[in-house]
Amino acid sequence: MPQKTPIFHDEAPGGGSPGSERLDLDIFKKIETLLSNHLRPWKQKGVQNGAVMVIDNATKEILAYTGSENFDDAAAHGQVDAVKALRSPGSTLKPFLYAMLMDRGELTPRTRLLDAPYDAEGFLAENYDGTYSGLVYADDALRRSLNVPIIRLLKSAGVSEFLDFIGNAGVASLQAQKPRLGLSLILGGCGVTLEELTGAFAAFPAGGTYAAPRFVRQERSDEKSGREVFSRSAAYMLTEILSSLDRPDLPNNFESSVNLPVVAFKTGTSYGRRDAWSIGYSCRYTVGVWIGNVTQQGCADLVGSRSAAPLLIDIFNSISDTHQKSILPVPRDVSMRLVCAESGLVPNERCQHTIEDLYSVSRTLHRTCNVCREYLVSNDWSRSYCVSCVGGNPYRAVTYLDYPAELLDFWQRNGSAFRRMPPHNTLCTRLFPGEGPSIVSPTDKMTYFIVSRTQKLAFLATSGVDVRVHNWYLNDRYLGRVNTGEKLFVGMNDGEHTISCVDDHGRMSTVHVTVKNEE
């Protein structure tokens, strides 16, 4: 059997390497000093605690483990081990959702994501700063840690499926919480430990292979342990995104770090600003940092980019002896291709602008752009035709950008300019195929509580560029018509109701709601 020795030891046991043992102790002392110095100004703001964990990427040995700044500081609850405490992870789980979807072939760095207000079955997703970009590339959404695009991705991926995926990466605490977790988990609506997060992030520099962090050193062992959680191609593409310098959470001490290697990292801030995180990795080490109060007390200034990330960078600068210029080699399965700048998908013959994008040759789905589409319009641009009604009418074939209905609605409500297609030929008798309007409000299968006689529900739907009018029905009773993007406010009686919306092409969508009067 291979001999096992403790990692933390100031003298080498029999058979060990004195130099390597002292190096571990040196790293631990550096971490302890850096954490103490970093917390000093934060204590003046009421932030008392911090924890750090450092893993050797090659061996998965824990080189430093600091559960608190001062074990003997009873006033700051120094005997609480914050490395093993369940805390809200903020946004630190987002890269794993990206890895999961990259391996499904559904996501690449330049995939276009919708960033507009989103009501996901009663859960209203909002970005941290309250602003929205409309459309955003996937890599930019992750670097900026936007919430709405990520919530949409989790909704499509499946909460249960993602929990299984992240559990395979060593985040075992979530399994017991699984029955009560929903979409908010990707924003920090759950509890994980710093030990779990740091170990999970160590799978990225390992090319997607997870192995549990080791508390003991295993001598003279050639055994290779670990399991593949995600592919090398996903690990590489995520590393390229997270190591980019074009990001808002880059700490001020980044450029002044002399020995700093290339570092990929993700920050996170929990609700109420109770937890600040920064988890990162270089070619050699994976480092996890948590700053906060073990008492759960929040602090208005506690943000991952300002509280945890500067310490993370100082740690890498202190323990790294060479300026490594890369973290992972380019996998054979990763290549570069041109995609449509509007959709992030393979260009069709109507796409006019293309950009470069990384992708997995074996996994990424070959989906063609569905945004740049050809439409037939009259020469005076007053109406559009389909193949059924164009007949002998003079027309021209033009390209319109068929953006998602929610995006058009968002732009319209915010006064953003966009090119809308002319209304369809009123003499057309064709019944158009396809889905009906997307009913945004009310939400299907939800219960609404009415607290006053004057309270009304907002009816709102979105449609594509070929729709101008929505007709609303309540229990088969016609209510009226509004322009797309406009709301219709309706008083509701107690009971179960069927609400329908029909567009000007005859396509219909329906939702069912329950109303209870609490007046």
Protein backbone atom coordinates (compact mmCIF):
# COMPACT_ATOMS: atom_id res chain seq x y z
CA MET A 1 0.00 0.00 0.00
CA PRO A 2 1.27 3.52 -0.74
CA GLN A 3 2.48 5.40 2.33
CA LYS A 4 0.27 8.34 3.36
CA THR A 5 1.56 11.33 5.32
CA PRO A 6 -0.12 14.53 6.52
CA ILE A 7 0.22 17.42 4.12
CA PHE A 8 0.71 19.99 6.89
CA HIS A 9 4.01 19.25 8.61
CA ASP A 10 7.00 21.42 9.40
CA GLU A 11 9.35 18.45 9.45
CA ALA A 12 9.43 15.72 6.85
CA PRO A 13 8.35 12.30 8.12
CA GLY A 14 10.31 9.25 7.13
CA GLY A 15 10.48 8.82 3.37
CA GLY A 16 9.15 12.32 2.68
CA SER A 17 10.83 15.24 0.95
CA PRO A 18 11.95 17.92 3.44
CA GLY A 19 11.88 20.62 0.80
CA SER A 20 8.34 19.92 -0.32
CA GLU A 21 7.04 19.67 3.23
CA ARG A 22 8.50 23.04 4.17
CA LEU A 23 7.12 24.56 0.95
CA ASP A 24 3.59 23.57 2.08
CA LEU A 25 4.14 25.25 5.44
CA ASP A 26 5.52 28.32 3.69
CA ILE A 27 2.38 28.59 1.56
CA PHE A 28 0.19 28.19 4.63
CA LYS A 29 2.04 30.98 6.48
CA LYS A 30 1.78 33.26 3.45
CA ILE A 31 -1.96 32.67 3.21
CA GLU A 32 -2.41 33.29 6.91
CA THR A 33 -0.56 36.62 6.70
CA LEU A 34 -2.34 37.76 3.52
CA LEU A 35 -5.76 36.96 4.99
CA SER A 36 -5.00 38.86 8.19
CA ASN A 37 -3.72 41.92 6.31
CA HIS A 38 -6.65 41.84 3.90
CA LEU A 39 -9.28 41.66 6.65
CA ARG A 40 -7.84 44.54 8.68
CA PRO A 41 -9.62 47.38 6.80
CA TRP A 42 -12.76 45.29 6.36
CA LYS A 43 -13.12 44.80 10.10
CA GLN A 44 -13.67 48.54 10.38
CA LYS A 45 -16.75 48.00 8.19
CA GLY A 46 -18.05 45.14 10.31
CA VAL A 47 -16.69 42.23 8.26
CA GLN A 48 -14.92 39.90 10.67
CA ASN A 49 -14.23 36.60 8.92
CA GLY A 50 -12.48 35.05 5.97
CA ALA A 51 -11.36 31.64 4.76
CA VAL A 52 -8.94 30.38 2.11
CA MET A 53 -8.18 27.03 0.53
CA VAL A 54 -5.34 26.22 -1.90
CA ILE A 55 -5.18 23.02 -3.95
CA ASP A 56 -2.27 21.63 -5.95
CA ASN A 57 -3.75 20.94 -9.38
CA ALA A 58 -1.41 18.06 -10.16
CA THR A 59 -1.92 16.04 -6.97
CA LYS A 60 -5.19 17.54 -5.62
CA GLU A 61 -3.40 17.95 -2.29
CA ILE A 62 -4.61 20.78 -0.07
CA LEU A 63 -1.56 22.99 0.39
CA ALA A 64 -3.24 25.56 2.61
CA TYR A 65 -6.47 25.53 4.61
CA THR A 66 -7.42 28.54 6.70
CA GLY A 67 -10.87 28.27 8.23
CA SER A 68 -10.60 31.58 10.09
CA GLU A 69 -8.16 34.40 10.49
CA ASN A 70 -7.57 33.86 14.20
CA PHE A 71 -8.69 30.72 16.01
CA ASP A 72 -8.35 32.42 19.40
CA ASP A 73 -10.50 35.47 18.48
CA ALA A 74 -13.70 34.56 20.34
CA ALA A 75 -15.34 37.92 19.58
CA ALA A 76 -15.09 37.16 15.84
CA HIS A 77 -16.10 33.50 16.35
CA GLY A 78 -12.65 32.43 15.22
CA GLN A 79 -13.28 28.77 16.09
CA VAL A 80 -15.90 28.47 13.35
CA ASP A 81 -14.39 26.70 10.33
CA ALA A 82 -15.68 28.79 7.41
CA VAL A 83 -14.13 26.40 4.87
CA LYS A 84 -16.75 23.80 5.80
CA ALA A 85 -19.65 26.17 6.53
CA LEU A 86 -22.69 26.14 4.22
CA ARG A 87 -22.94 29.56 2.59
CA SER A 88 -24.77 31.08 -0.36
CA PRO A 89 -22.41 30.79 -3.37
CA GLY A 90 -23.69 33.86 -5.22
CA SER A 91 -22.81 33.55 -8.91
CA THR A 92 -19.94 31.07 -8.57
CA LEU A 93 -21.95 28.11 -9.95
CA LYS A 94 -22.58 29.79 -13.32
CA PRO A 95 -19.46 28.40 -15.10
CA PHE A 96 -20.64 24.85 -14.41
CA LEU A 97 -23.98 25.48 -16.13
CA TYR A 98 -22.02 26.78 -19.13
CA ALA A 99 -19.85 23.63 -19.13
CA MET A 100 -22.95 21.44 -19.04
CA LEU A 101 -24.56 23.24 -21.99
CA MET A 102 -21.31 23.32 -23.97
CA ASP A 103 -21.11 19.55 -23.72
CA ARG A 104 -24.71 19.31 -24.85
CA GLY A 105 -23.66 21.26 -27.93
CA GLU A 106 -26.10 24.09 -27.17
CA LEU A 107 -23.64 26.81 -26.15
CA THR A 108 -20.43 28.39 -27.42
CA PRO A 109 -18.70 31.59 -26.27
CA ARG A 110 -20.40 33.67 -28.98
CA THR A 111 -23.88 32.24 -28.66
CA ARG A 112 -26.39 35.08 -28.50
CA LEU A 113 -28.47 35.14 -25.30
CA LEU A 114 -31.58 37.15 -24.50
CA ASP A 115 -31.09 39.69 -21.72
CA ALA A 116 -34.49 41.26 -21.05
CA PRO A 117 -36.80 41.19 -18.01
CA TYR A 118 -37.96 37.62 -17.45
CA ASP A 119 -40.80 36.21 -15.39
CA ALA A 120 -40.00 32.53 -15.05
CA GLU A 121 -43.13 30.93 -13.59
CA GLY A 122 -43.53 33.67 -11.02
CA PHE A 123 -39.79 34.08 -10.39
CA LEU A 124 -38.84 37.54 -11.66
CA ALA A 125 -35.21 37.45 -12.73
CA GLU A 126 -33.26 40.72 -12.63
CA ASN A 127 -29.65 41.67 -13.25
CA TYR A 128 -27.49 42.86 -10.37
CA ASP A 129 -27.42 46.49 -11.54
CA GLY A 130 -31.03 46.56 -12.73
CA THR A 131 -30.12 47.14 -16.39
CA TYR A 132 -30.53 44.92 -19.45
CA SER A 133 -28.61 44.64 -22.71
CA GLY A 134 -31.34 43.10 -24.89
CA LEU A 135 -28.97 40.69 -26.62
CA VAL A 136 -25.60 39.62 -25.27
CA TYR A 137 -22.93 37.09 -26.20
CA ALA A 138 -22.56 34.14 -23.82
CA ASP A 139 -18.93 34.91 -22.91
CA ASP A 140 -19.81 38.54 -22.13
CA ALA A 141 -22.80 37.45 -20.03
CA LEU A 142 -20.56 35.23 -17.88
CA ARG A 143 -17.79 37.80 -17.51
CA ARG A 144 -20.37 40.42 -16.48
CA SER A 145 -22.18 37.80 -14.38
CA LEU A 146 -25.58 38.74 -15.80
CA ASN A 147 -28.43 36.96 -14.05
CA VAL A 148 -31.27 36.98 -16.59
CA PRO A 149 -29.48 35.12 -19.43
CA ILE A 150 -28.25 32.50 -16.95
CA ILE A 151 -31.73 31.98 -15.50
CA ARG A 152 -33.07 31.42 -19.02
CA LEU A 153 -30.30 28.86 -19.65
CA LEU A 154 -31.05 27.00 -16.41
CA LYS A 155 -34.76 26.99 -17.23
CA SER A 156 -34.06 25.30 -20.57
CA ALA A 157 -31.39 22.96 -19.15
CA GLY A 158 -33.45 21.76 -16.19
CA VAL A 159 -32.83 22.32 -12.47
CA SER A 160 -32.72 18.61 -11.61
CA GLU A 161 -30.31 17.85 -14.44
CA PHE A 162 -27.99 20.65 -13.36
CA LEU A 163 -28.03 19.52 -9.74
CA ASP A 164 -26.96 16.05 -10.86
CA PHE A 165 -24.22 17.60 -12.98
CA ILE A 166 -22.81 19.82 -10.21
CA GLY A 167 -23.11 16.95 -7.73
CA ASN A 168 -20.83 14.91 -9.96
CA ALA A 169 -18.30 17.75 -9.58
CA GLY A 170 -18.13 17.20 -5.83
CA VAL A 171 -20.73 19.71 -4.64
CA ALA A 172 -22.52 17.13 -2.51
CA SER A 173 -24.31 19.55 -0.15
CA LEU A 174 -26.89 20.42 -2.79
CA GLN A 175 -28.32 16.91 -2.95
CA ALA A 176 -30.02 17.20 0.45
CA GLN A 177 -31.42 20.59 -0.58
CA LYS A 178 -32.67 19.34 -3.95
CA PRO A 179 -36.43 19.13 -3.14
CA ARG A 180 -36.64 22.85 -2.34
CA LEU A 181 -34.28 24.28 -4.95
CA GLY A 182 -35.44 26.15 -8.03
CA LEU A 183 -34.10 28.54 -10.63
CA SER A 184 -32.65 30.88 -7.99
CA LEU A 185 -29.98 28.29 -7.11
CA ILE A 186 -27.79 29.54 -9.98
CA LEU A 187 -27.82 33.00 -8.35
CA GLY A 188 -26.91 31.67 -4.91
CA GLY A 189 -30.28 30.46 -3.63
CA CYS A 190 -28.68 27.41 -2.03
CA GLY A 191 -25.88 26.47 0.35
CA VAL A 192 -22.41 25.11 -0.50
CA THR A 193 -19.01 25.06 1.21
CA LEU A 194 -15.75 26.68 0.22
CA GLU A 195 -14.16 23.22 0.28
CA GLU A 196 -16.70 21.92 -2.26
CA LEU A 197 -16.45 24.96 -4.55
CA THR A 198 -12.65 25.01 -4.62
CA GLY A 199 -12.52 21.28 -5.34
CA ALA A 200 -15.10 21.65 -8.11
CA PHE A 201 -13.20 24.50 -9.77
CA ALA A 202 -10.05 22.37 -9.72
CA ALA A 203 -11.74 20.26 -12.41
CA PHE A 204 -11.23 23.08 -14.94
CA PRO A 205 -7.39 23.03 -14.97
CA ALA A 206 -7.68 19.22 -14.94
CA GLY A 207 -9.48 19.32 -18.29
CA GLY A 208 -12.89 18.55 -16.83
CA THR A 209 -11.84 15.70 -14.52
CA TYR A 210 -12.85 15.90 -10.86
CA ALA A 211 -10.95 14.27 -8.02
CA ALA A 212 -11.69 14.97 -4.37
CA PRO A 213 -9.14 17.25 -2.63
CA ARG A 214 -6.67 15.29 -0.48
CA PHE A 215 -5.93 16.06 3.14
CA VAL A 216 -3.08 13.55 3.23
CA ARG A 217 -0.11 13.07 0.96
CA GLN A 218 0.04 9.78 -0.88
CA GLU A 219 3.66 8.77 -1.47
CA ARG A 220 4.98 6.70 -4.38
CA SER A 221 1.59 6.25 -6.05
CA ASP A 222 1.13 6.12 -9.79
CA GLU A 223 -2.62 5.65 -9.49
CA LYS A 224 -4.74 8.10 -11.46
CA SER A 225 -8.05 8.89 -9.83
CA GLY A 226 -10.94 11.10 -10.79
CA ARG A 227 -13.98 11.12 -13.04
CA GLU A 228 -14.81 13.18 -16.09
CA VAL A 229 -17.47 15.77 -15.27
CA PHE A 230 -17.21 17.74 -18.49
CA SER A 231 -15.08 17.64 -21.61
CA ARG A 232 -11.64 19.10 -22.24
CA SER A 233 -13.20 21.35 -24.87
CA ALA A 234 -15.65 22.83 -22.33
CA ALA A 235 -12.84 23.27 -19.80
CA TYR A 236 -10.72 25.10 -22.37
CA MET A 237 -13.51 27.40 -23.62
CA LEU A 238 -14.54 28.29 -20.06
CA THR A 239 -10.92 28.97 -19.13
CA GLU A 240 -10.57 31.33 -22.09
CA ILE A 241 -13.67 33.23 -20.92
CA LEU A 242 -12.73 33.39 -17.23
CA SER A 243 -9.12 34.41 -17.86
CA SER A 244 -10.06 37.35 -20.09
CA LEU A 245 -8.99 40.79 -18.89
CA ASP A 246 -12.09 42.40 -20.39
CA ARG A 247 -14.33 42.07 -17.35
CA PRO A 248 -15.82 44.45 -14.76
CA ASP A 249 -14.73 42.45 -11.69
CA LEU A 250 -11.00 42.67 -12.39
CA PRO A 251 -9.40 43.90 -9.13
CA ASN A 252 -7.17 46.97 -9.07
CA ASN A 253 -4.12 44.98 -7.93
CA PHE A 254 -4.22 42.72 -11.00
CA GLU A 255 -1.76 44.59 -13.23
CA SER A 256 0.67 45.37 -10.41
CA SER A 257 1.16 41.69 -9.51
CA VAL A 258 4.74 40.83 -10.44
CA ASN A 259 4.67 37.02 -10.37
CA LEU A 260 1.06 36.62 -11.43
CA PRO A 261 0.49 33.76 -13.89
CA VAL A 262 -2.55 33.57 -16.15
CA VAL A 263 -5.50 33.21 -13.76
CA ALA A 264 -9.08 32.25 -14.57
CA PHE A 265 -11.54 33.19 -11.83
CA LYS A 266 -15.18 33.78 -10.98
CA THR A 267 -16.50 36.10 -8.29
CA GLY A 268 -19.78 35.88 -6.42
CA THR A 269 -21.85 37.93 -3.99
CA SER A 270 -24.77 36.50 -2.02
CA TYR A 271 -28.15 38.11 -1.43
CA GLY A 272 -27.94 40.70 1.33
CA ARG A 273 -24.18 40.94 0.77
CA ARG A 274 -23.44 38.35 3.41
CA ASP A 275 -20.87 36.42 1.36
CA ALA A 276 -18.13 37.52 -1.02
CA TRP A 277 -16.41 34.84 -3.10
CA SER A 278 -13.60 34.52 -5.57
CA ILE A 279 -12.61 31.09 -6.87
CA GLY A 280 -9.78 30.87 -9.41
CA TYR A 281 -7.11 28.68 -10.88
CA SER A 282 -3.78 28.91 -12.63
CA CYS A 283 -1.85 26.15 -14.36
CA ARG A 284 -0.50 25.02 -10.98
CA TYR A 285 -2.97 25.99 -8.24
CA THR A 286 -6.69 26.35 -7.54
CA VAL A 287 -7.55 28.90 -4.86
CA GLY A 288 -10.85 29.56 -3.10
CA VAL A 289 -11.53 32.72 -1.06
CA TRP A 290 -14.55 33.56 1.10
CA ILE A 291 -15.05 36.84 2.98
CA GLY A 292 -17.99 37.62 5.27
CA ASN A 293 -19.37 37.10 8.76
CA VAL A 294 -20.05 33.64 10.16
CA THR A 295 -22.97 35.28 12.00
CA GLN A 296 -24.65 35.95 8.60
CA GLN A 297 -24.51 39.71 9.15
CA GLY A 298 -24.33 41.57 5.83
CA CYS A 299 -22.28 44.58 4.81
CA ALA A 300 -23.24 47.10 2.12
CA ASP A 301 -19.68 47.16 0.74
CA LEU A 302 -19.21 43.39 0.67
CA VAL A 303 -18.92 42.45 -3.03
CA GLY A 304 -16.89 39.60 -4.49
CA SER A 305 -14.95 41.79 -6.91
CA ARG A 306 -13.90 44.24 -4.19
CA SER A 307 -13.67 41.97 -1.15
CA ALA A 308 -12.51 38.52 -2.27
CA ALA A 309 -10.90 38.97 -5.72
CA PRO A 310 -8.05 41.27 -4.54
CA LEU A 311 -7.05 38.68 -1.93
CA LEU A 312 -7.23 35.91 -4.55
CA ILE A 313 -4.82 37.83 -6.80
CA ASP A 314 -2.46 38.56 -3.92
CA ILE A 315 -2.39 34.85 -3.07
CA PHE A 316 -1.54 33.80 -6.64
CA ASN A 317 1.13 36.48 -6.81
CA SER A 318 2.62 35.29 -3.51
CA ILE A 319 2.72 31.54 -4.13
CA SER A 320 3.56 31.55 -7.86
CA ASP A 321 7.22 31.61 -8.83
CA THR A 322 6.90 31.82 -12.61
CA HIS A 323 4.73 33.82 -14.97
CA GLN A 324 2.92 30.99 -16.72
CA LYS A 325 1.37 32.26 -19.95
CA SER A 326 -1.36 29.62 -20.31
CA ILE A 327 -3.45 27.27 -18.22
CA LEU A 328 -4.62 24.60 -20.66
CA PRO A 329 -3.39 23.54 -24.08
CA VAL A 330 -5.86 23.80 -26.96
CA PRO A 331 -7.68 20.44 -27.20
CA ARG A 332 -7.77 18.74 -30.59
CA ASP A 333 -11.56 18.90 -30.47
CA VAL A 334 -11.63 22.71 -30.25
CA SER A 335 -11.54 24.78 -33.40
CA MET A 336 -12.53 28.21 -34.68
CA ARG A 337 -15.44 28.95 -37.02
CA LEU A 338 -17.36 31.93 -38.37
CA VAL A 339 -20.83 32.55 -36.96
CA CYS A 340 -23.49 35.16 -37.66
CA ALA A 341 -22.94 38.21 -35.48
CA GLU A 342 -26.70 38.53 -34.93
CA SER A 343 -27.46 34.99 -33.75
CA GLY A 344 -24.12 33.35 -32.92
CA LEU A 345 -25.10 30.46 -35.19
CA VAL A 346 -23.72 29.13 -38.48
CA PRO A 347 -24.43 31.80 -41.14
CA ASN A 348 -27.09 31.33 -43.79
CA GLU A 349 -27.07 33.01 -47.18
CA ARG A 350 -28.80 36.10 -45.72
CA CYS A 351 -26.28 36.80 -42.94
CA GLN A 352 -24.22 39.90 -43.66
CA HIS A 353 -21.90 40.10 -40.64
CA THR A 354 -19.85 37.26 -39.18
CA ILE A 355 -17.49 36.89 -36.22
CA GLU A 356 -15.10 34.17 -35.03
CA ASP A 357 -16.17 31.70 -32.37
CA LEU A 358 -14.62 28.73 -30.57
CA TYR A 359 -16.54 25.46 -30.72
CA SER A 360 -16.27 21.74 -30.11
CA VAL A 361 -15.96 19.86 -33.39
CA SER A 362 -17.57 16.71 -32.01
CA ARG A 363 -20.18 18.20 -29.66
CA THR A 364 -21.41 21.61 -30.82
CA LEU A 365 -24.69 21.35 -32.71
CA HIS A 366 -24.62 22.60 -36.31
CA ARG A 367 -27.50 25.07 -36.10
CA THR A 368 -28.03 27.59 -38.88
CA CYS A 369 -28.93 31.22 -38.20
CA ASN A 370 -32.68 31.71 -37.81
CA VAL A 371 -32.57 35.48 -37.28
CA CYS A 372 -31.54 36.75 -40.72
CA ARG A 373 -34.54 35.80 -42.86
CA GLU A 374 -35.93 36.67 -46.28
CA TYR A 375 -39.31 38.40 -46.55
CA LEU A 376 -41.33 39.58 -49.51
CA VAL A 377 -42.48 43.23 -49.32
CA SER A 378 -44.27 45.53 -51.73
CA ASN A 379 -42.19 48.02 -53.71
CA ASP A 380 -43.59 50.87 -51.62
CA TRP A 381 -42.76 49.00 -48.36
CA SER A 382 -46.39 49.28 -47.19
CA ARG A 383 -47.15 45.55 -46.87
CA SER A 384 -45.54 42.13 -46.80
CA TYR A 385 -46.53 38.99 -48.66
CA CYS A 386 -46.22 35.26 -48.28
CA VAL A 387 -45.96 32.79 -51.16
CA SER A 388 -49.72 32.25 -50.97
CA CYS A 389 -50.75 35.86 -51.49
CA VAL A 390 -47.93 37.50 -53.46
CA GLY A 391 -49.53 36.47 -56.78
CA GLY A 392 -48.76 39.02 -59.49
CA ASN A 393 -48.11 41.85 -57.03
CA PRO A 394 -44.79 43.60 -57.57
CA TYR A 395 -42.43 42.87 -54.66
CA ARG A 396 -38.83 42.82 -53.55
CA ALA A 397 -37.02 40.21 -51.43
CA VAL A 398 -35.42 41.84 -48.41
CA THR A 399 -33.69 40.65 -45.25
CA TYR A 400 -35.28 41.33 -41.86
CA LEU A 401 -33.85 40.33 -38.51
CA ASP A 402 -36.44 38.08 -36.93
CA TYR A 403 -35.50 38.61 -33.30
CA PRO A 404 -37.34 36.86 -30.44
CA ALA A 405 -40.69 38.42 -29.62
CA GLU A 406 -39.61 39.20 -26.05
CA LEU A 407 -36.68 41.21 -27.35
CA LEU A 408 -38.88 43.26 -29.70
CA ASP A 409 -41.27 43.91 -26.83
CA PHE A 410 -38.36 45.00 -24.61
CA TRP A 411 -37.03 47.36 -27.27
CA GLN A 412 -40.47 48.80 -27.91
CA ARG A 413 -41.14 49.48 -24.23
CA ASN A 414 -37.74 51.15 -23.86
CA GLY A 415 -37.97 53.27 -27.00
CA SER A 416 -35.13 51.48 -28.77
CA ALA A 417 -35.07 51.75 -32.53
CA PHE A 418 -35.43 48.58 -34.55
CA ARG A 419 -36.55 47.75 -38.07
CA ARG A 420 -40.07 46.32 -38.09
CA MET A 421 -41.45 44.44 -41.05
CA PRO A 422 -44.50 45.98 -42.84
CA PRO A 423 -47.92 44.49 -41.91
CA HIS A 424 -48.98 41.42 -43.81
CA ASN A 425 -51.27 41.67 -46.83
CA THR A 426 -54.80 42.09 -45.43
CA LEU A 427 -56.29 40.15 -48.39
CA CYS A 428 -54.31 37.02 -47.54
CA THR A 429 -56.56 34.09 -46.59
CA ARG A 430 -53.81 31.71 -45.53
CA LEU A 431 -53.87 30.36 -41.98
CA PHE A 432 -50.30 30.76 -40.78
CA PRO A 433 -48.59 27.80 -39.14
CA GLY A 434 -46.39 28.04 -36.11
CA GLU A 435 -46.77 28.97 -32.48
CA GLY A 436 -49.12 31.65 -31.28
CA PRO A 437 -48.18 34.68 -29.16
CA SER A 438 -46.02 34.09 -26.11
CA ILE A 439 -48.18 35.08 -23.13
CA VAL A 440 -45.90 36.79 -20.64
CA SER A 441 -48.62 37.74 -18.14
CA PRO A 442 -50.53 36.12 -16.49
CA THR A 443 -48.32 33.07 -15.91
CA ASP A 444 -49.75 29.68 -16.76
CA LYS A 445 -50.97 27.55 -13.82
CA MET A 446 -50.39 30.31 -11.28
CA THR A 447 -52.75 31.43 -8.49
CA TYR A 448 -53.35 35.17 -8.18
CA PHE A 449 -54.68 36.76 -5.00
CA ILE A 450 -56.88 39.86 -5.39
CA VAL A 451 -56.72 42.20 -2.39
CA SER A 452 -59.00 45.04 -3.59
CA ARG A 453 -61.98 45.60 -5.90
CA THR A 454 -59.93 47.92 -8.10
CA GLN A 455 -57.07 45.47 -8.64
CA LYS A 456 -56.68 44.21 -12.19
CA LEU A 457 -54.39 41.68 -13.85
CA ALA A 458 -52.13 42.75 -16.70
CA PHE A 459 -52.50 40.75 -19.91
CA LEU A 460 -49.33 40.92 -22.01
CA ALA A 461 -48.00 38.81 -24.88
CA THR A 462 -45.10 39.04 -27.30
CA SER A 463 -44.88 38.01 -30.96
CA GLY A 464 -42.50 38.03 -33.90
CA VAL A 465 -41.84 40.77 -36.42
CA ASP A 466 -44.78 39.71 -38.61
CA VAL A 467 -47.42 40.46 -35.96
CA ARG A 468 -48.99 43.85 -35.19
CA VAL A 469 -52.15 43.11 -33.17
CA HIS A 470 -53.19 40.83 -30.28
CA ASN A 471 -56.81 39.90 -29.55
CA TRP A 472 -57.60 38.82 -25.98
CA TYR A 473 -60.26 36.41 -24.70
CA LEU A 474 -61.31 35.50 -21.16
CA ASN A 475 -63.20 32.20 -20.91
CA ASP A 476 -64.09 32.54 -24.63
CA ARG A 477 -65.42 36.08 -24.04
CA TYR A 478 -63.81 38.65 -26.31
CA LEU A 479 -62.10 41.44 -24.35
CA GLY A 480 -60.54 43.60 -27.04
CA ARG A 481 -57.46 44.17 -29.15
CA VAL A 482 -54.17 45.91 -28.46
CA ASN A 483 -50.97 46.47 -30.39
CA THR A 484 -48.16 44.01 -29.74
CA GLY A 485 -46.18 45.00 -26.69
CA GLU A 486 -49.15 46.79 -25.09
CA LYS A 487 -50.89 45.61 -21.91
CA LEU A 488 -54.60 45.04 -21.37
CA PHE A 489 -55.75 45.37 -17.74
CA VAL A 490 -58.65 43.12 -16.75
CA GLY A 491 -60.67 42.73 -13.55
CA MET A 492 -61.03 39.08 -12.54
CA ASN A 493 -63.58 37.15 -10.48
CA ASP A 494 -62.81 34.24 -8.18
CA GLY A 495 -62.31 30.85 -9.76
CA GLU A 496 -60.41 29.14 -12.54
CA HIS A 497 -60.02 31.01 -15.83
CA THR A 498 -58.82 30.33 -19.37
CA ILE A 499 -57.07 33.26 -21.03
CA SER A 500 -56.36 33.25 -24.78
CA CYS A 501 -54.44 35.54 -27.09
CA VAL A 502 -54.87 35.45 -30.89
CA ASP A 503 -52.53 37.30 -33.25
CA ASP A 504 -53.48 38.89 -36.56
CA HIS A 505 -52.58 35.66 -38.41
CA GLY A 506 -55.06 33.56 -36.43
CA ARG A 507 -52.48 31.84 -34.22
CA MET A 508 -53.60 31.36 -30.63
CA SER A 509 -51.98 30.69 -27.27
CA THR A 510 -53.74 29.87 -24.00
CA VAL A 511 -52.93 29.89 -20.29
CA HIS A 512 -54.95 28.75 -17.27
CA VAL A 513 -54.94 30.64 -13.96
CA THR A 514 -56.75 30.62 -10.62
CA VAL A 515 -57.96 33.82 -8.96
CA LYS A 516 -58.76 34.12 -5.25
CA ASN A 517 -60.33 37.24 -3.76
CA GLU A 518 -58.92 38.05 -0.31
CA GLU A 519 -60.76 41.33 0.19
